[in-house]
Amino acid sequence: MSALIFAVAIVSGEAGSNIVFEDDVVMAFMDTSLVTPGHVLVIPRKHCSYLEDVEPEVGAHLFRIAHRLARALRRSGLQCEGVNLFLADGEAAFQEVFHSRLHVFPRF
């Protein structure tokens, strides 16, 4: 199953995942290809291939949720001395899955 099809299946509830946050606009779940323990993806529920396809209000909400998750990671028992937020937009930016997503990586 491609990563894009898997992301769509997660949003629709057809595929299992470790969901850490969800509302009507976004979902956040543990990445299956962890960069570090605690690596979370925040994605819009509505399919958006690129950042330019994300409505500004949805993009703002995406970052608000990433901010909350970063705070939670720093306060968790995981090793987390810092946090990276990463969003690849387009092939030249190394985007591999064409559903816009914001990575939240704990760093140490």
PDB file of N, CA and C in Angstrom:
ATOM      1  N   MET A   1       0.858  -1.176   0.000  1.00  0.00           N
ATOM      2  CA  MET A   1       0.000   0.000   0.000  1.00  0.00           C
ATOM      3  C   MET A   1       0.901   1.236   0.000  1.00  0.00           C
ATOM      4  N   SER A   2       0.635   2.165  -0.911  1.00  0.00           N
ATOM      5  CA  SER A   2       1.441   3.383  -0.954  1.00  0.00           C
ATOM      6  C   SER A   2       1.152   4.235   0.279  1.00  0.00           C
ATOM      7  N   ALA A   3       2.092   5.101   0.611  1.00  0.00           N
ATOM      8  CA  ALA A   3       1.936   5.971   1.784  1.00  0.00           C
ATOM      9  C   ALA A   3       0.739   6.899   1.630  1.00  0.00           C
ATOM     10  N   LEU A   4       0.468   7.364   0.408  1.00  0.00           N
ATOM     11  CA  LEU A   4      -0.691   8.246   0.188  1.00  0.00           C
ATOM     12  C   LEU A   4      -1.988   7.481   0.427  1.00  0.00           C
ATOM     13  N   ILE A   5      -2.099   6.290  -0.125  1.00  0.00           N
ATOM     14  CA  ILE A   5      -3.305   5.489   0.074  1.00  0.00           C
ATOM     15  C   ILE A   5      -3.466   5.162   1.556  1.00  0.00           C
ATOM     16  N   PHE A   6      -2.351   4.887   2.248  1.00  0.00           N
ATOM     17  CA  PHE A   6      -2.394   4.605   3.683  1.00  0.00           C
ATOM     18  C   PHE A   6      -2.899   5.823   4.461  1.00  0.00           C
ATOM     19  N   ALA A   7      -2.427   7.016   4.103  1.00  0.00           N
ATOM     20  CA  ALA A   7      -2.877   8.242   4.782  1.00  0.00           C
ATOM     21  C   ALA A   7      -4.379   8.441   4.580  1.00  0.00           C
ATOM     22  N   VAL A   8      -4.852   8.217   3.364  1.00  0.00           N
ATOM     23  CA  VAL A   8      -6.286   8.347   3.079  1.00  0.00           C
ATOM     24  C   VAL A   8      -7.064   7.310   3.883  1.00  0.00           C
ATOM     25  N   ALA A   9      -6.536   6.093   3.987  1.00  0.00           N
ATOM     26  CA  ALA A   9      -7.195   5.033   4.749  1.00  0.00           C
ATOM     27  C   ALA A   9      -7.232   5.362   6.239  1.00  0.00           C
ATOM     28  N   ILE A  10      -6.204   6.009   6.751  1.00  0.00           N
ATOM     29  CA  ILE A  10      -6.193   6.421   8.160  1.00  0.00           C
ATOM     30  C   ILE A  10      -7.289   7.458   8.401  1.00  0.00           C
ATOM     31  N   VAL A  11      -7.347   8.475   7.545  1.00  0.00           N
ATOM     32  CA  VAL A  11      -8.341   9.540   7.704  1.00  0.00           C
ATOM     33  C   VAL A  11      -9.758   8.981   7.630  1.00  0.00           C
ATOM     34  N   SER A  12      -9.979   8.022   6.738  1.00  0.00           N
ATOM     35  CA  SER A  12     -11.322   7.457   6.580  1.00  0.00           C
ATOM     36  C   SER A  12     -11.653   6.418   7.642  1.00  0.00           C
ATOM     37  N   GLY A  13     -10.660   6.039   8.457  1.00  0.00           N
ATOM     38  CA  GLY A  13     -10.897   5.049   9.502  1.00  0.00           C
ATOM     39  C   GLY A  13     -10.748   3.617   9.027  1.00  0.00           C
ATOM     40  N   GLU A  14     -10.308   3.421   7.788  1.00  0.00           N
ATOM     41  CA  GLU A  14     -10.154   2.085   7.228  1.00  0.00           C
ATOM     42  C   GLU A  14      -8.844   1.416   7.647  1.00  0.00           C
ATOM     43  N   ALA A  15      -7.867   2.197   8.059  1.00  0.00           N
ATOM     44  CA  ALA A  15      -6.577   1.641   8.491  1.00  0.00           C
ATOM     45  C   ALA A  15      -6.319   2.050   9.926  1.00  0.00           C
ATOM     46  N   GLY A  16      -5.765   1.140  10.669  1.00  0.00           N
ATOM     47  CA  GLY A  16      -5.438   1.442  12.061  1.00  0.00           C
ATOM     48  C   GLY A  16      -4.204   2.315  12.161  1.00  0.00           C
ATOM     49  N   SER A  17      -4.163   3.119  13.185  1.00  0.00           N
ATOM     50  CA  SER A  17      -2.993   3.954  13.441  1.00  0.00           C
ATOM     51  C   SER A  17      -3.034   4.378  14.896  1.00  0.00           C
ATOM     52  N   ASN A  18      -1.925   4.883  15.372  1.00  0.00           N
ATOM     53  CA  ASN A  18      -1.859   5.397  16.735  1.00  0.00           C
ATOM     54  C   ASN A  18      -2.204   6.878  16.704  1.00  0.00           C
ATOM     55  N   ILE A  19      -3.490   7.165  16.742  1.00  0.00           N
ATOM     56  CA  ILE A  19      -3.965   8.551  16.680  1.00  0.00           C
ATOM     57  C   ILE A  19      -3.738   9.213  18.026  1.00  0.00           C
ATOM     58  N   VAL A  20      -3.097  10.392  18.006  1.00  0.00           N
ATOM     59  CA  VAL A  20      -2.848  11.133  19.248  1.00  0.00           C
ATOM     60  C   VAL A  20      -3.731  12.371  19.357  1.00  0.00           C
ATOM     61  N   PHE A  21      -4.322  12.790  18.235  1.00  0.00           N
ATOM     62  CA  PHE A  21      -5.239  13.933  18.235  1.00  0.00           C
ATOM     63  C   PHE A  21      -6.079  13.856  16.972  1.00  0.00           C
ATOM     64  N   GLU A  22      -7.345  14.229  17.095  1.00  0.00           N
ATOM     65  CA  GLU A  22      -8.176  14.382  15.900  1.00  0.00           C
ATOM     66  C   GLU A  22      -9.342  15.300  16.203  1.00  0.00           C
ATOM     67  N   ASP A  23      -9.716  16.061  15.190  1.00  0.00           N
ATOM     68  CA  ASP A  23     -10.917  16.876  15.232  1.00  0.00           C
ATOM     69  C   ASP A  23     -11.490  16.882  13.818  1.00  0.00           C
ATOM     70  N   ASP A  24     -12.389  17.789  13.518  1.00  0.00           N
ATOM     71  CA  ASP A  24     -13.010  17.813  12.194  1.00  0.00           C
ATOM     72  C   ASP A  24     -12.080  18.311  11.099  1.00  0.00           C
ATOM     73  N   VAL A  25     -10.961  18.928  11.472  1.00  0.00           N
ATOM     74  CA  VAL A  25     -10.078  19.572  10.501  1.00  0.00           C
ATOM     75  C   VAL A  25      -8.789  18.789  10.269  1.00  0.00           C
ATOM     76  N   VAL A  26      -8.159  18.280  11.334  1.00  0.00           N
ATOM     77  CA  VAL A  26      -6.868  17.601  11.227  1.00  0.00           C
ATOM     78  C   VAL A  26      -6.856  16.312  12.036  1.00  0.00           C
ATOM     79  N   MET A  27      -5.859  15.495  11.741  1.00  0.00           N
ATOM     80  CA  MET A  27      -5.557  14.300  12.527  1.00  0.00           C
ATOM     81  C   MET A  27      -4.066  14.310  12.810  1.00  0.00           C
ATOM     82  N   ALA A  28      -3.684  13.781  13.959  1.00  0.00           N
ATOM     83  CA  ALA A  28      -2.269  13.605  14.293  1.00  0.00           C
ATOM     84  C   ALA A  28      -2.094  12.165  14.738  1.00  0.00           C
ATOM     85  N   PHE A  29      -1.068  11.519  14.193  1.00  0.00           N
ATOM     86  CA  PHE A  29      -0.818  10.125  14.535  1.00  0.00           C
ATOM     87  C   PHE A  29       0.677   9.841  14.470  1.00  0.00           C
ATOM     88  N   MET A  30       1.069   8.749  15.125  1.00  0.00           N
ATOM     89  CA  MET A  30       2.469   8.360  15.142  1.00  0.00           C
ATOM     90  C   MET A  30       2.872   7.922  13.741  1.00  0.00           C
ATOM     91  N   ASP A  31       4.038   8.381  13.305  1.00  0.00           N
ATOM     92  CA  ASP A  31       4.544   7.993  11.993  1.00  0.00           C
ATOM     93  C   ASP A  31       4.993   6.535  12.053  1.00  0.00           C
ATOM     94  N   THR A  32       4.740   5.786  10.980  1.00  0.00           N
ATOM     95  CA  THR A  32       5.172   4.385  10.937  1.00  0.00           C
ATOM     96  C   THR A  32       6.655   4.267  10.600  1.00  0.00           C
ATOM     97  N   SER A  33       7.260   5.328  10.088  1.00  0.00           N
ATOM     98  CA  SER A  33       8.695   5.364   9.781  1.00  0.00           C
ATOM     99  C   SER A  33       9.345   6.392  10.688  1.00  0.00           C
ATOM    100  N   LEU A  34       9.460   6.051  11.963  1.00  0.00           N
ATOM    101  CA  LEU A  34       9.943   7.005  12.964  1.00  0.00           C
ATOM    102  C   LEU A  34      11.336   7.538  12.653  1.00  0.00           C
ATOM    103  N   VAL A  35      11.501   8.835  12.744  1.00  0.00           N
ATOM    104  CA  VAL A  35      12.824   9.450  12.702  1.00  0.00           C
ATOM    105  C   VAL A  35      13.417   9.369  14.103  1.00  0.00           C
ATOM    106  N   THR A  36      12.593   9.666  15.103  1.00  0.00           N
ATOM    107  CA  THR A  36      12.955   9.519  16.513  1.00  0.00           C
ATOM    108  C   THR A  36      11.712   9.013  17.250  1.00  0.00           C
ATOM    109  N   PRO A  37      11.869   8.389  18.417  1.00  0.00           N
ATOM    110  CA  PRO A  37      10.688   7.994  19.188  1.00  0.00           C
ATOM    111  C   PRO A  37       9.823   9.228  19.481  1.00  0.00           C
ATOM    112  N   GLY A  38       8.533   9.110  19.236  1.00  0.00           N
ATOM    113  CA  GLY A  38       7.616  10.223  19.454  1.00  0.00           C
ATOM    114  C   GLY A  38       7.302  11.016  18.196  1.00  0.00           C
ATOM    115  N   HIS A  39       7.867  10.642  17.047  1.00  0.00           N
ATOM    116  CA  HIS A  39       7.642  11.321  15.763  1.00  0.00           C
ATOM    117  C   HIS A  39       6.153  11.252  15.410  1.00  0.00           C
ATOM    118  N   VAL A  40       5.540  12.413  15.253  1.00  0.00           N
ATOM    119  CA  VAL A  40       4.102  12.521  14.981  1.00  0.00           C
ATOM    120  C   VAL A  40       3.880  13.237  13.650  1.00  0.00           C
ATOM    121  N   LEU A  41       2.860  12.813  12.905  1.00  0.00           N
ATOM    122  CA  LEU A  41       2.422  13.498  11.693  1.00  0.00           C
ATOM    123  C   LEU A  41       1.114  14.211  11.980  1.00  0.00           C
ATOM    124  N   VAL A  42       0.992  15.447  11.517  1.00  0.00           N
ATOM    125  CA  VAL A  42      -0.265  16.186  11.603  1.00  0.00           C
ATOM    126  C   VAL A  42      -0.694  16.438  10.164  1.00  0.00           C
ATOM    127  N   ILE A  43      -1.900  15.967   9.828  1.00  0.00           N
ATOM    128  CA  ILE A  43      -2.366  16.080   8.443  1.00  0.00           C
ATOM    129  C   ILE A  43      -3.759  16.683   8.394  1.00  0.00           C
ATOM    130  N   PRO A  44      -4.065  17.426   7.332  1.00  0.00           N
ATOM    131  CA  PRO A  44      -5.442  17.885   7.152  1.00  0.00           C
ATOM    132  C   PRO A  44      -6.314  16.690   6.779  1.00  0.00           C
ATOM    133  N   ARG A  45      -7.543  16.684   7.255  1.00  0.00           N
ATOM    134  CA  ARG A  45      -8.469  15.602   6.882  1.00  0.00           C
ATOM    135  C   ARG A  45      -8.813  15.681   5.388  1.00  0.00           C
ATOM    136  N   LYS A  46      -8.987  16.898   4.892  1.00  0.00           N
ATOM    137  CA  LYS A  46      -9.289  17.088   3.472  1.00  0.00           C
ATOM    138  C   LYS A  46      -7.992  16.880   2.686  1.00  0.00           C
ATOM    139  N   HIS A  47      -8.064  16.100   1.618  1.00  0.00           N
ATOM    140  CA  HIS A  47      -6.860  15.835   0.835  1.00  0.00           C
ATOM    141  C   HIS A  47      -6.320  17.119   0.216  1.00  0.00           C
ATOM    142  N   CYS A  48      -5.057  17.366   0.447  1.00  0.00           N
ATOM    143  CA  CYS A  48      -4.328  18.509  -0.112  1.00  0.00           C
ATOM    144  C   CYS A  48      -2.961  17.980  -0.523  1.00  0.00           C
ATOM    145  N   SER A  49      -2.690  17.941  -1.803  1.00  0.00           N
ATOM    146  CA  SER A  49      -1.409  17.408  -2.267  1.00  0.00           C
ATOM    147  C   SER A  49      -0.235  18.274  -1.840  1.00  0.00           C
ATOM    148  N   TYR A  50      -0.396  19.583  -1.943  1.00  0.00           N
ATOM    149  CA  TYR A  50       0.700  20.521  -1.677  1.00  0.00           C
ATOM    150  C   TYR A  50       0.267  21.576  -0.669  1.00  0.00           C
ATOM    151  N   LEU A  51       1.219  22.270  -0.109  1.00  0.00           N
ATOM    152  CA  LEU A  51       0.932  23.327   0.859  1.00  0.00           C
ATOM    153  C   LEU A  51       0.002  24.383   0.256  1.00  0.00           C
ATOM    154  N   GLU A  52       0.199  24.714  -1.014  1.00  0.00           N
ATOM    155  CA  GLU A  52      -0.657  25.726  -1.642  1.00  0.00           C
ATOM    156  C   GLU A  52      -2.121  25.296  -1.700  1.00  0.00           C
ATOM    157  N   ASP A  53      -2.390  23.995  -1.575  1.00  0.00           N
ATOM    158  CA  ASP A  53      -3.761  23.484  -1.589  1.00  0.00           C
ATOM    159  C   ASP A  53      -4.424  23.552  -0.217  1.00  0.00           C
ATOM    160  N   VAL A  54      -3.648  23.805   0.805  1.00  0.00           N
ATOM    161  CA  VAL A  54      -4.169  23.865   2.171  1.00  0.00           C
ATOM    162  C   VAL A  54      -4.766  25.252   2.397  1.00  0.00           C
ATOM    163  N   GLU A  55      -6.028  25.296   2.788  1.00  0.00           N
ATOM    164  CA  GLU A  55      -6.655  26.585   3.072  1.00  0.00           C
ATOM    165  C   GLU A  55      -5.927  27.245   4.247  1.00  0.00           C
ATOM    166  N   PRO A  56      -5.751  28.577   4.221  1.00  0.00           N
ATOM    167  CA  PRO A  56      -5.000  29.259   5.278  1.00  0.00           C
ATOM    168  C   PRO A  56      -5.483  28.943   6.697  1.00  0.00           C
ATOM    169  N   GLU A  57      -6.796  28.841   6.888  1.00  0.00           N
ATOM    170  CA  GLU A  57      -7.316  28.548   8.235  1.00  0.00           C
ATOM    171  C   GLU A  57      -6.918  27.135   8.658  1.00  0.00           C
ATOM    172  N   VAL A  58      -6.913  26.209   7.696  1.00  0.00           N
ATOM    173  CA  VAL A  58      -6.520  24.829   7.992  1.00  0.00           C
ATOM    174  C   VAL A  58      -5.021  24.785   8.299  1.00  0.00           C
ATOM    175  N   GLY A  59      -4.232  25.515   7.534  1.00  0.00           N
ATOM    176  CA  GLY A  59      -2.787  25.570   7.786  1.00  0.00           C
ATOM    177  C   GLY A  59      -2.476  26.130   9.162  1.00  0.00           C
ATOM    178  N   ALA A  60      -3.185  27.169   9.553  1.00  0.00           N
ATOM    179  CA  ALA A  60      -2.984  27.749  10.885  1.00  0.00           C
ATOM    180  C   ALA A  60      -3.342  26.733  11.963  1.00  0.00           C
ATOM    181  N   HIS A  61      -4.428  26.003  11.756  1.00  0.00           N
ATOM    182  CA  HIS A  61      -4.850  24.990  12.720  1.00  0.00           C
ATOM    183  C   HIS A  61      -3.823  23.854  12.782  1.00  0.00           C
ATOM    184  N   LEU A  62      -3.277  23.468  11.636  1.00  0.00           N
ATOM    185  CA  LEU A  62      -2.239  22.435  11.567  1.00  0.00           C
ATOM    186  C   LEU A  62      -1.066  22.824  12.473  1.00  0.00           C
ATOM    187  N   PHE A  63      -0.629  24.076  12.368  1.00  0.00           N
ATOM    188  CA  PHE A  63       0.496  24.533  13.181  1.00  0.00           C
ATOM    189  C   PHE A  63       0.113  24.690  14.657  1.00  0.00           C
ATOM    190  N   ARG A  64      -1.120  25.080  14.942  1.00  0.00           N
ATOM    191  CA  ARG A  64      -1.562  25.154  16.347  1.00  0.00           C
ATOM    192  C   ARG A  64      -1.497  23.783  17.006  1.00  0.00           C
ATOM    193  N   ILE A  65      -1.947  22.768  16.289  1.00  0.00           N
ATOM    194  CA  ILE A  65      -1.927  21.412  16.838  1.00  0.00           C
ATOM    195  C   ILE A  65      -0.485  20.927  16.967  1.00  0.00           C
ATOM    196  N   ALA A  66       0.363  21.218  15.995  1.00  0.00           N
ATOM    197  CA  ALA A  66       1.777  20.844  16.087  1.00  0.00           C
ATOM    198  C   ALA A  66       2.425  21.505  17.303  1.00  0.00           C
ATOM    199  N   HIS A  67       2.056  22.744  17.583  1.00  0.00           N
ATOM    200  CA  HIS A  67       2.571  23.464  18.747  1.00  0.00           C
ATOM    201  C   HIS A  67       2.166  22.741  20.033  1.00  0.00           C
ATOM    202  N   ARG A  68       0.899  22.343  20.127  1.00  0.00           N
ATOM    203  CA  ARG A  68       0.415  21.610  21.305  1.00  0.00           C
ATOM    204  C   ARG A  68       1.146  20.278  21.466  1.00  0.00           C
ATOM    205  N   LEU A  69       1.373  19.583  20.340  1.00  0.00           N
ATOM    206  CA  LEU A  69       2.069  18.304  20.394  1.00  0.00           C
ATOM    207  C   LEU A  69       3.528  18.479  20.796  1.00  0.00           C
ATOM    208  N   ALA A  70       4.170  19.535  20.300  1.00  0.00           N
ATOM    209  CA  ALA A  70       5.558  19.809  20.689  1.00  0.00           C
ATOM    210  C   ALA A  70       5.651  20.051  22.193  1.00  0.00           C
ATOM    211  N   ARG A  71       4.719  20.803  22.726  1.00  0.00           N
ATOM    212  CA  ARG A  71       4.680  21.048  24.179  1.00  0.00           C
ATOM    213  C   ARG A  71       4.492  19.726  24.932  1.00  0.00           C
ATOM    214  N   ALA A  72       3.580  18.901  24.442  1.00  0.00           N
ATOM    215  CA  ALA A  72       3.314  17.608  25.086  1.00  0.00           C
ATOM    216  C   ALA A  72       4.544  16.703  25.027  1.00  0.00           C
ATOM    217  N   LEU A  73       5.261  16.710  23.906  1.00  0.00           N
ATOM    218  CA  LEU A  73       6.475  15.895  23.795  1.00  0.00           C
ATOM    219  C   LEU A  73       7.531  16.344  24.800  1.00  0.00           C
ATOM    220  N   ARG A  74       7.711  17.657  24.951  1.00  0.00           N
ATOM    221  CA  ARG A  74       8.704  18.173  25.906  1.00  0.00           C
ATOM    222  C   ARG A  74       8.347  17.798  27.342  1.00  0.00           C
ATOM    223  N   ARG A  75       7.053  17.674  27.633  1.00  0.00           N
ATOM    224  CA  ARG A  75       6.603  17.369  28.993  1.00  0.00           C
ATOM    225  C   ARG A  75       6.418  15.867  29.225  1.00  0.00           C
ATOM    226  N   SER A  76       6.573  15.071  28.179  1.00  0.00           N
ATOM    227  CA  SER A  76       6.382  13.628  28.294  1.00  0.00           C
ATOM    228  C   SER A  76       7.632  12.976  28.892  1.00  0.00           C
ATOM    229  N   GLY A  77       7.585  11.691  29.032  1.00  0.00           N
ATOM    230  CA  GLY A  77       8.740  10.948  29.518  1.00  0.00           C
ATOM    231  C   GLY A  77       9.737  10.623  28.422  1.00  0.00           C
ATOM    232  N   LEU A  78       9.423  10.988  27.175  1.00  0.00           N
ATOM    233  CA  LEU A  78      10.351  10.735  26.070  1.00  0.00           C
ATOM    234  C   LEU A  78      11.547  11.673  26.154  1.00  0.00           C
ATOM    235  N   GLN A  79      12.664  11.208  25.615  1.00  0.00           N
ATOM    236  CA  GLN A  79      13.824  12.084  25.528  1.00  0.00           C
ATOM    237  C   GLN A  79      13.514  13.163  24.487  1.00  0.00           C
ATOM    238  N   CYS A  80      13.478  14.420  24.929  1.00  0.00           N
ATOM    239  CA  CYS A  80      13.090  15.520  24.037  1.00  0.00           C
ATOM    240  C   CYS A  80      13.693  16.816  24.560  1.00  0.00           C
ATOM    241  N   GLU A  81      14.849  17.163  24.001  1.00  0.00           N
ATOM    242  CA  GLU A  81      15.512  18.411  24.374  1.00  0.00           C
ATOM    243  C   GLU A  81      15.166  19.540  23.410  1.00  0.00           C
ATOM    244  N   GLY A  82      14.536  19.175  22.299  1.00  0.00           N
ATOM    245  CA  GLY A  82      14.136  20.147  21.286  1.00  0.00           C
ATOM    246  C   GLY A  82      13.130  19.500  20.354  1.00  0.00           C
ATOM    247  N   VAL A  83      12.566  20.288  19.460  1.00  0.00           N
ATOM    248  CA  VAL A  83      11.556  19.783  18.529  1.00  0.00           C
ATOM    249  C   VAL A  83      11.809  20.399  17.157  1.00  0.00           C
ATOM    250  N   ASN A  84      11.727  19.568  16.123  1.00  0.00           N
ATOM    251  CA  ASN A  84      11.736  20.045  14.743  1.00  0.00           C
ATOM    252  C   ASN A  84      10.342  19.918  14.170  1.00  0.00           C
ATOM    253  N   LEU A  85       9.913  20.943  13.428  1.00  0.00           N
ATOM    254  CA  LEU A  85       8.722  20.862  12.599  1.00  0.00           C
ATOM    255  C   LEU A  85       9.218  20.821  11.161  1.00  0.00           C
ATOM    256  N   PHE A  86       8.685  19.913  10.362  1.00  0.00           N
ATOM    257  CA  PHE A  86       9.156  19.758   8.985  1.00  0.00           C
ATOM    258  C   PHE A  86       7.973  19.528   8.062  1.00  0.00           C
ATOM    259  N   LEU A  87       7.932  20.277   6.967  1.00  0.00           N
ATOM    260  CA  LEU A  87       6.919  20.103   5.936  1.00  0.00           C
ATOM    261  C   LEU A  87       7.619  20.188   4.581  1.00  0.00           C
ATOM    262  N   ALA A  88       7.622  19.086   3.848  1.00  0.00           N
ATOM    263  CA  ALA A  88       8.204  19.060   2.509  1.00  0.00           C
ATOM    264  C   ALA A  88       7.090  19.390   1.513  1.00  0.00           C
ATOM    265  N   ASP A  89       7.327  20.358   0.635  1.00  0.00           N
ATOM    266  CA  ASP A  89       6.311  20.797  -0.322  1.00  0.00           C
ATOM    267  C   ASP A  89       6.855  20.669  -1.741  1.00  0.00           C
ATOM    268  N   GLY A  90       6.553  19.558  -2.385  1.00  0.00           N
ATOM    269  CA  GLY A  90       6.984  19.316  -3.759  1.00  0.00           C
ATOM    270  C   GLY A  90       8.179  18.392  -3.829  1.00  0.00           C
ATOM    271  N   GLU A  91       8.327  17.760  -4.981  1.00  0.00           N
ATOM    272  CA  GLU A  91       9.409  16.809  -5.182  1.00  0.00           C
ATOM    273  C   GLU A  91      10.782  17.413  -4.925  1.00  0.00           C
ATOM    274  N   ALA A  92      11.006  18.642  -5.375  1.00  0.00           N
ATOM    275  CA  ALA A  92      12.307  19.286  -5.184  1.00  0.00           C
ATOM    276  C   ALA A  92      12.620  19.501  -3.707  1.00  0.00           C
ATOM    277  N   ALA A  93      11.576  19.524  -2.870  1.00  0.00           N
ATOM    278  CA  ALA A  93      11.735  19.694  -1.421  1.00  0.00           C
ATOM    279  C   ALA A  93      11.707  18.335  -0.709  1.00  0.00           C
ATOM    280  N   PHE A  94      11.817  17.249  -1.496  1.00  0.00           N
ATOM    281  CA  PHE A  94      11.859  15.881  -0.978  1.00  0.00           C
ATOM    282  C   PHE A  94      10.518  15.378  -0.447  1.00  0.00           C
ATOM    283  N   GLN A  95       9.401  15.925  -0.958  1.00  0.00           N
ATOM    284  CA  GLN A  95       8.097  15.398  -0.594  1.00  0.00           C
ATOM    285  C   GLN A  95       7.953  14.026  -1.243  1.00  0.00           C
ATOM    286  N   GLU A  96       7.629  13.028  -0.435  1.00  0.00           N
ATOM    287  CA  GLU A  96       7.478  11.663  -0.934  1.00  0.00           C
ATOM    288  C   GLU A  96       6.016  11.215  -0.961  1.00  0.00           C
ATOM    289  N   VAL A  97       5.222  11.734  -0.044  1.00  0.00           N
ATOM    290  CA  VAL A  97       3.800  11.407   0.019  1.00  0.00           C
ATOM    291  C   VAL A  97       3.046  12.675  -0.359  1.00  0.00           C
ATOM    292  N   PHE A  98       2.216  12.600  -1.370  1.00  0.00           N
ATOM    293  CA  PHE A  98       1.567  13.804  -1.873  1.00  0.00           C
ATOM    294  C   PHE A  98       0.207  14.039  -1.213  1.00  0.00           C
ATOM    295  N   HIS A  99       0.280  14.124   0.101  1.00  0.00           N
ATOM    296  CA  HIS A  99      -0.797  14.612   0.976  1.00  0.00           C
ATOM    297  C   HIS A  99      -0.053  15.500   1.966  1.00  0.00           C
ATOM    298  N   SER A 100      -0.328  16.778   1.944  1.00  0.00           N
ATOM    299  CA  SER A 100       0.401  17.721   2.789  1.00  0.00           C
ATOM    300  C   SER A 100       0.376  17.249   4.237  1.00  0.00           C
ATOM    301  N   ARG A 101       1.524  17.312   4.908  1.00  0.00           N
ATOM    302  CA  ARG A 101       1.626  16.831   6.286  1.00  0.00           C
ATOM    303  C   ARG A 101       2.755  17.547   6.996  1.00  0.00           C
ATOM    304  N   LEU A 102       2.569  17.733   8.270  1.00  0.00           N
ATOM    305  CA  LEU A 102       3.550  18.417   9.096  1.00  0.00           C
ATOM    306  C   LEU A 102       4.122  17.398  10.076  1.00  0.00           C
ATOM    307  N   HIS A 103       5.430  17.204  10.006  1.00  0.00           N
ATOM    308  CA  HIS A 103       6.112  16.293  10.918  1.00  0.00           C
ATOM    309  C   HIS A 103       6.478  17.043  12.198  1.00  0.00           C
ATOM    310  N   VAL A 104       6.349  16.373  13.330  1.00  0.00           N
ATOM    311  CA  VAL A 104       6.781  16.901  14.629  1.00  0.00           C
ATOM    312  C   VAL A 104       7.773  15.870  15.175  1.00  0.00           C
ATOM    313  N   PHE A 105       9.085  16.254  15.210  1.00  0.00           N
ATOM    314  CA  PHE A 105      10.146  15.344  15.648  1.00  0.00           C
ATOM    315  C   PHE A 105      10.716  15.784  16.980  1.00  0.00           C
ATOM    316  N   PRO A 106      10.659  14.936  18.005  1.00  0.00           N
ATOM    317  CA  PRO A 106      11.424  15.247  19.210  1.00  0.00           C
ATOM    318  C   PRO A 106      12.917  15.078  18.893  1.00  0.00           C
ATOM    319  N   ARG A 107      13.752  15.943  19.443  1.00  0.00           N
ATOM    320  CA  ARG A 107      15.203  15.868  19.210  1.00  0.00           C
ATOM    321  C   ARG A 107      15.955  15.847  20.526  1.00  0.00           C
ATOM    322  N   PHE A 108      17.104  15.194  20.501  1.00  0.00           N
ATOM    323  CA  PHE A 108      17.947  15.102  21.704  1.00  0.00           C
ATOM    324  C   PHE A 108      19.385  14.913  21.289  1.00  0.00           C
TER     325      PHE A 108
END
